[in-house]
Each structure stands twice: as C-alpha cells, then as structure tokens.
Protein backbone atom coordinates (compact mmCIF):
# COMPACT_ATOMS: atom_id res chain seq x y z
CA MET A 1 181.01 22.08 37.53
CA PRO A 2 182.32 22.65 41.07
CA ASP A 3 186.01 22.47 41.75
CA ARG A 4 186.74 19.12 43.43
CA GLU A 5 189.79 20.41 45.29
CA SER A 6 187.82 23.32 46.68
CA ASP A 7 185.02 20.98 47.80
CA ALA A 8 187.53 18.66 49.45
CA SER A 9 189.21 21.48 51.34
CA GLN A 10 185.83 22.77 52.50
CA ARG A 11 184.89 19.30 53.76
CA GLU A 12 188.23 18.95 55.56
CA GLU A 13 187.77 22.34 57.20
CA ALA A 14 184.22 21.47 58.26
CA MET A 15 185.41 18.18 59.79
CA GLU A 16 188.21 19.95 61.64
CA ASP A 17 185.71 22.49 62.99
CA LEU A 18 183.39 19.67 64.08
CA LYS A 19 186.27 17.84 65.77
CA LEU A 20 187.24 20.91 67.78
CA GLU A 21 183.61 21.64 68.68
CA VAL A 22 183.06 18.08 69.89
CA ALA A 23 186.35 18.04 71.82
CA ASP A 24 185.29 21.20 73.61
CA ASP A 25 181.83 19.80 74.36
CA VAL A 26 183.20 16.55 75.85
CA ASP A 27 185.98 18.34 77.76
CA VAL A 28 188.91 16.87 75.84
CA PRO A 29 191.79 19.39 75.66
CA LEU A 30 192.47 18.98 71.94
CA GLU A 31 195.04 21.39 70.54
CA GLU A 32 194.08 22.89 67.19
CA ASP A 33 197.59 23.17 65.80
CA GLY A 34 199.58 21.44 68.47
CA ASP A 35 200.83 18.16 69.76
CA ASN A 36 198.04 15.98 71.10
CA GLY A 37 200.33 13.07 71.95
CA ASP A 38 199.51 13.36 75.64
CA LEU A 39 195.85 12.48 75.09
CA THR A 40 194.68 8.94 75.79
CA ALA A 41 193.03 6.61 73.33
CA ARG A 42 189.88 6.88 75.43
CA GLN A 43 189.83 10.68 75.09
CA LEU A 44 190.41 10.57 71.34
CA GLY A 45 187.82 7.81 70.96
CA LYS A 46 185.33 9.93 72.82
CA VAL A 47 185.87 12.74 70.31
CA GLY A 48 185.68 10.43 67.29
CA GLY A 49 182.61 8.60 68.56
CA ASN A 50 180.76 11.81 69.24
CA MET A 51 181.71 13.15 65.82
CA VAL A 52 180.15 10.09 64.20
CA LYS A 53 177.06 10.44 66.37
CA ARG A 54 176.59 14.07 65.30
CA LEU A 55 177.20 13.29 61.63
CA VAL A 56 174.54 10.56 61.75
CA GLN A 57 172.11 12.94 63.47
CA ARG A 58 172.76 15.59 60.82
CA GLY A 59 172.27 13.05 58.03
CA GLU A 60 169.01 11.82 59.53
CA GLN A 61 167.81 15.39 59.91
CA ALA A 62 168.72 16.19 56.31
CA LEU A 63 166.77 13.14 55.11
CA ALA A 64 163.78 14.13 57.24
CA ASP A 65 163.93 17.68 55.90
CA ASP A 66 164.11 16.42 52.30
CA ALA A 67 161.18 14.09 52.89
CA ALA A 68 159.16 16.93 54.40
CA GLU A 69 159.89 19.14 51.39
CA ASP A 70 158.90 16.36 49.00
CA GLY A 71 155.75 15.59 50.94
CA THR A 72 156.85 12.00 51.58
CA ALA A 73 157.27 12.33 55.35
CA ASP A 74 155.23 10.01 57.54
C-alpha cells in the first residue's frame, strides 16, 4: 500500500509547481519562497482561477483518455 504522507507531499509539490507555472504564464510576479504580500487580490485570484481551469482541463482529458482506452468514447 502506498505511503499516504509521501502521496500527500507529492501532491503538494505538484500543486506548488502548477501555481508557479500559472503565475508565470499570466505574468503575476509570484515569489517561490518569498513574501507575496504586495500582490493584489486580483492577481492572486487570476492565478487561482487559472489553476482551477487547468486542473479541470486535465481531469477532462484524463476521463477522455480512460474512455478511449476502454472503448467507451463517443
């Protein structure tokens, strides 16, 4: 059985990587290990909203891939 703590830390790391990738893509100067107190709510919302958008896209793609493998795709 997989180690739950290891899985959790991998998920946290993946989310942090996604956050930094999105921040870079939407031109929000997010500091990796720094103080981001100078950023506006709008800037941070832009990062969070785009993270959700990408996660939904990835989930939809994973479902489509699974359906294609199972032969249940439309």
